[in-house]
């Protein structure tokens, strides 16, 4: 069950090939964290299949209320390609994922309903092939503390379900880069308020 600190994405990149009325549909799915990463993957697939009839796609990023979705029919009739692909992503409860479905026309038109079914089914199949993976939504923090209180800071970090990403040891203090589950981040910062200095805190709300 998806909670405040978790989201579900795909376990790995996958590709499937299906045939509908002699047309070949190739679906490929990849986990992405940003729109730039999604755009890069889409461009790669378009280049790989540059002679294809269509390269339609959709992606979903983040969680409500900052969720980002986008889709393209890439020349297919409006609503017959990109939207069914996005629908497959949403129905499976996935985010941070992009799906590109490439079509090589086989000489027989599918019609509106046929296209919706073909693109939607190809997207669903490739997402199922990719598998599911639950990840924790974390809030990154960078803080500094003296060595005298480092053990206490690490204790509070662990008790809040956080983890240390990296540690730099200076002559007088240590600097920690850490990740804390979003629901525990404020409590953690309260606990270490008198022990450590938060020098940097970047958080995009996802």
Protein backbone atom coordinates (compact mmCIF):
# COMPACT_ATOMS: atom_id res chain seq x y z
CA UNK A 1 0.00 0.00 0.00
CA UNK A 2 1.41 3.36 -1.07
CA UNK A 3 1.87 5.79 1.79
CA UNK A 4 3.10 9.30 2.29
CA UNK A 5 6.76 8.25 2.22
CA UNK A 6 6.59 5.86 -0.71
CA UNK A 7 5.89 5.75 -4.41
CA UNK A 8 5.80 2.92 -6.92
CA UNK A 9 7.80 2.92 -10.13
CA UNK A 10 9.13 0.25 -12.47
CA UNK A 11 11.88 -2.13 -11.40
CA UNK A 12 13.89 -1.79 -14.59
CA UNK A 13 13.85 -0.82 -18.25
CA UNK A 14 11.83 -3.14 -20.49
CA UNK A 15 10.75 -3.58 -24.09
CA UNK A 16 7.99 -5.61 -25.75
CA UNK A 17 6.83 -6.10 -29.33
CA UNK A 18 3.21 -6.80 -30.26
CA UNK A 19 1.29 -7.07 -33.54
CA UNK A 20 -2.17 -5.69 -34.21
CA UNK A 21 -3.65 -6.19 -37.69
CA UNK A 22 -0.18 -6.49 -39.25
CA UNK A 23 1.08 -3.27 -37.59
CA UNK A 24 4.06 -3.74 -35.26
CA UNK A 25 3.95 -1.94 -31.91
CA UNK A 26 7.15 -1.71 -29.87
CA UNK A 27 6.80 -0.48 -26.30
CA UNK A 28 9.72 0.61 -24.15
CA UNK A 29 9.54 1.83 -20.55
CA UNK A 30 12.16 3.46 -18.35
CA UNK A 31 12.30 4.98 -14.88
CA UNK A 32 13.05 8.72 -14.94
CA UNK A 33 13.20 11.39 -12.24
CA UNK A 34 12.80 14.58 -14.28
CA UNK A 35 11.17 15.87 -17.45
CA UNK A 36 14.64 16.36 -18.92
CA UNK A 37 15.42 12.66 -18.43
CA UNK A 38 12.08 11.72 -19.99
CA UNK A 39 12.73 13.99 -22.99
CA UNK A 40 16.20 12.48 -23.46
CA UNK A 41 14.80 8.95 -23.49
CA UNK A 42 12.03 9.91 -25.91
CA UNK A 43 14.60 11.48 -28.25
CA UNK A 44 16.70 8.30 -28.11
CA UNK A 45 13.73 6.14 -29.08
CA UNK A 46 12.74 8.54 -31.87
CA UNK A 47 16.28 8.38 -33.26
CA UNK A 48 16.42 4.59 -32.97
CA UNK A 49 13.08 4.24 -34.78
CA UNK A 50 13.34 7.29 -37.04
CA UNK A 51 11.76 5.43 -39.99
CA UNK A 52 8.78 4.26 -37.89
CA UNK A 53 5.30 5.53 -38.69
CA UNK A 54 4.80 6.97 -35.19
CA UNK A 55 6.67 7.27 -31.88
CA UNK A 56 3.99 8.06 -29.31
CA UNK A 57 4.73 8.54 -25.63
CA UNK A 58 3.61 9.52 -22.16
CA UNK A 59 5.23 10.10 -18.80
CA UNK A 60 4.22 10.65 -15.21
CA UNK A 61 6.49 12.20 -12.58
CA UNK A 62 6.21 12.93 -8.88
CA UNK A 63 3.21 12.69 -6.59
CA UNK A 64 0.13 14.86 -6.06
CA UNK A 65 -0.14 17.78 -5.61
CA UNK A 66 3.08 18.27 -7.62
CA UNK A 67 2.50 15.49 -10.09
CA UNK A 68 3.58 16.12 -13.69
CA UNK A 69 2.03 14.27 -16.64
CA UNK A 70 2.48 14.66 -20.37
CA UNK A 71 1.61 12.67 -23.47
CA UNK A 72 1.81 12.95 -27.25
CA UNK A 73 -0.11 11.24 -30.06
CA UNK A 74 2.81 12.00 -32.42
CA UNK A 75 0.62 12.23 -35.49
CA UNK A 76 -1.97 9.60 -34.61
CA UNK A 77 -5.61 10.78 -34.30
CA UNK A 78 -6.12 12.86 -31.16
CA UNK A 79 -6.61 10.80 -28.02
CA UNK A 80 -5.76 7.43 -29.61
CA UNK A 81 -2.15 6.97 -28.52
CA UNK A 82 -0.61 9.21 -25.86
CA UNK A 83 -3.64 9.20 -23.60
CA UNK A 84 -4.03 5.39 -23.55
CA UNK A 85 -0.31 5.09 -22.76
CA UNK A 86 -0.67 7.53 -19.84
CA UNK A 87 -3.79 5.67 -18.76
CA UNK A 88 -1.83 2.44 -18.49
CA UNK A 89 0.78 4.15 -16.30
CA UNK A 90 -1.87 5.66 -14.03
CA UNK A 91 -4.00 2.53 -13.70
CA UNK A 92 -0.97 0.58 -12.51
CA UNK A 93 -0.27 3.26 -9.89
CA UNK A 94 3.18 4.05 -11.26
CA UNK A 95 5.12 7.29 -11.33
CA UNK A 96 8.59 8.49 -12.39
CA UNK A 97 8.21 6.48 -15.57
CA UNK A 98 8.17 7.21 -19.32
CA UNK A 99 6.76 4.90 -21.98
CA UNK A 100 7.36 5.20 -25.72
CA UNK A 101 5.29 3.09 -28.09
CA UNK A 102 6.61 2.90 -31.64
CA UNK A 103 4.33 1.87 -34.50
CA UNK A 104 5.33 0.44 -37.86
CA UNK A 105 2.24 0.56 -40.07
CA UNK A 106 1.31 -2.81 -41.56
CA UNK A 107 -0.98 -1.65 -44.32
CA UNK A 108 -4.34 -1.97 -42.56
CA UNK A 109 -5.97 0.86 -40.63
CA UNK A 110 -7.03 0.04 -37.09
CA UNK A 111 -9.61 2.76 -36.54
CA UNK A 112 -9.93 4.90 -33.44
CA UNK A 113 -10.96 2.09 -31.12
CA UNK A 114 -8.32 -0.24 -32.50
CA UNK A 115 -5.57 2.33 -32.00
CA UNK A 116 -6.64 3.01 -28.41
CA UNK A 117 -6.58 -0.70 -27.63
CA UNK A 118 -3.25 -1.28 -29.38
CA UNK A 119 -1.39 1.58 -27.71
CA UNK A 120 -2.96 0.96 -24.33
CA UNK A 121 -2.27 -2.78 -24.40
CA UNK A 122 1.33 -2.31 -25.56
CA UNK A 123 1.94 0.17 -22.73
CA UNK A 124 0.34 -2.13 -20.18
CA UNK A 125 2.38 -5.12 -21.32
CA UNK A 126 5.72 -3.32 -21.24
CA UNK A 127 5.01 -1.90 -17.78
CA UNK A 128 4.13 -5.34 -16.48
CA UNK A 129 7.31 -6.69 -18.07
CA UNK A 130 9.33 -3.96 -16.29
CA UNK A 131 8.02 -5.03 -12.87
CA UNK A 132 7.19 -2.90 -9.85
CA UNK A 133 9.44 -1.33 -7.24
CA UNK A 134 8.44 0.68 -4.19
CA UNK A 135 10.75 3.54 -3.24
CA UNK A 136 10.88 5.90 -0.29
CA UNK A 137 10.29 9.61 -0.85
CA UNK A 138 13.15 11.34 0.94
CA UNK A 139 14.15 14.86 1.82
CA UNK A 140 17.86 15.61 1.36
CA UNK A 141 19.67 17.65 4.02
CA UNK A 142 23.26 18.77 4.44
CA UNK A 143 24.38 19.53 7.99
CA UNK A 144 27.53 20.09 10.01
CA UNK A 145 28.28 19.16 13.61
CA UNK A 146 31.18 18.80 15.98
CA UNK A 147 32.67 15.40 16.65
CA UNK A 148 31.48 15.64 20.24
CA UNK A 149 27.82 15.35 19.13
CA UNK A 150 28.25 13.36 15.90
CA UNK A 151 27.15 10.11 17.51
CA UNK A 152 23.95 11.76 18.82
CA UNK A 153 23.19 13.25 15.40
CA UNK A 154 23.62 9.85 13.77
CA UNK A 155 21.37 8.29 16.40
CA UNK A 156 18.58 10.76 15.63
CA UNK A 157 19.11 10.21 11.92
CA UNK A 158 18.72 6.45 12.27
CA UNK A 159 15.76 6.73 14.65
CA UNK A 160 13.93 8.85 12.06
CA UNK A 161 14.53 6.29 9.34
CA UNK A 162 17.16 8.37 7.55
CA UNK A 163 20.48 7.39 6.07
CA UNK A 164 23.87 9.00 5.50
CA UNK A 165 24.74 9.51 1.83
CA UNK A 166 28.25 10.82 2.43
CA UNK A 167 30.42 12.23 5.21
CA UNK A 168 33.27 14.73 5.02
CA UNK A 169 35.63 14.96 7.99
CA UNK A 170 37.12 18.37 8.65
CA UNK A 171 39.57 19.43 11.35
CA UNK A 172 36.84 20.60 13.74
CA UNK A 173 33.56 19.15 12.47
CA UNK A 174 31.94 16.63 10.19
CA UNK A 175 29.61 17.45 7.32
CA UNK A 176 26.87 14.96 6.54
CA UNK A 177 24.76 14.59 3.44
CA UNK A 178 21.69 12.65 4.48
CA UNK A 179 18.26 11.61 3.29
CA UNK A 180 15.24 11.44 5.62
CA UNK A 181 11.72 10.18 4.85
CA UNK A 182 9.61 13.28 4.20
CA UNK A 183 7.21 12.62 7.08
CA UNK A 184 10.10 12.48 9.59
CA UNK A 185 12.22 15.32 8.20
CA UNK A 186 10.79 18.13 10.33
CA UNK A 187 11.04 16.04 13.51
CA UNK A 188 14.65 15.18 12.72
CA UNK A 189 15.56 18.83 12.17
CA UNK A 190 13.94 19.71 15.51
CA UNK A 191 15.94 17.02 17.32
CA UNK A 192 19.27 18.19 15.90
CA UNK A 193 18.53 21.93 16.09
CA UNK A 194 20.89 22.42 19.01
CA UNK A 195 23.45 19.91 17.83
CA UNK A 196 24.04 20.60 14.15
CA UNK A 197 23.87 23.43 11.64
CA UNK A 198 21.89 22.87 8.47
CA UNK A 199 23.99 24.54 5.81
CA UNK A 200 21.97 23.46 2.81
CA UNK A 201 18.54 21.98 2.29
CA UNK A 202 17.27 21.28 -1.21
CA UNK A 203 13.84 19.77 -1.52
CA UNK A 204 11.57 19.73 -4.58
CA UNK A 205 8.50 18.40 -2.82
CA UNK A 206 8.39 14.96 -4.41
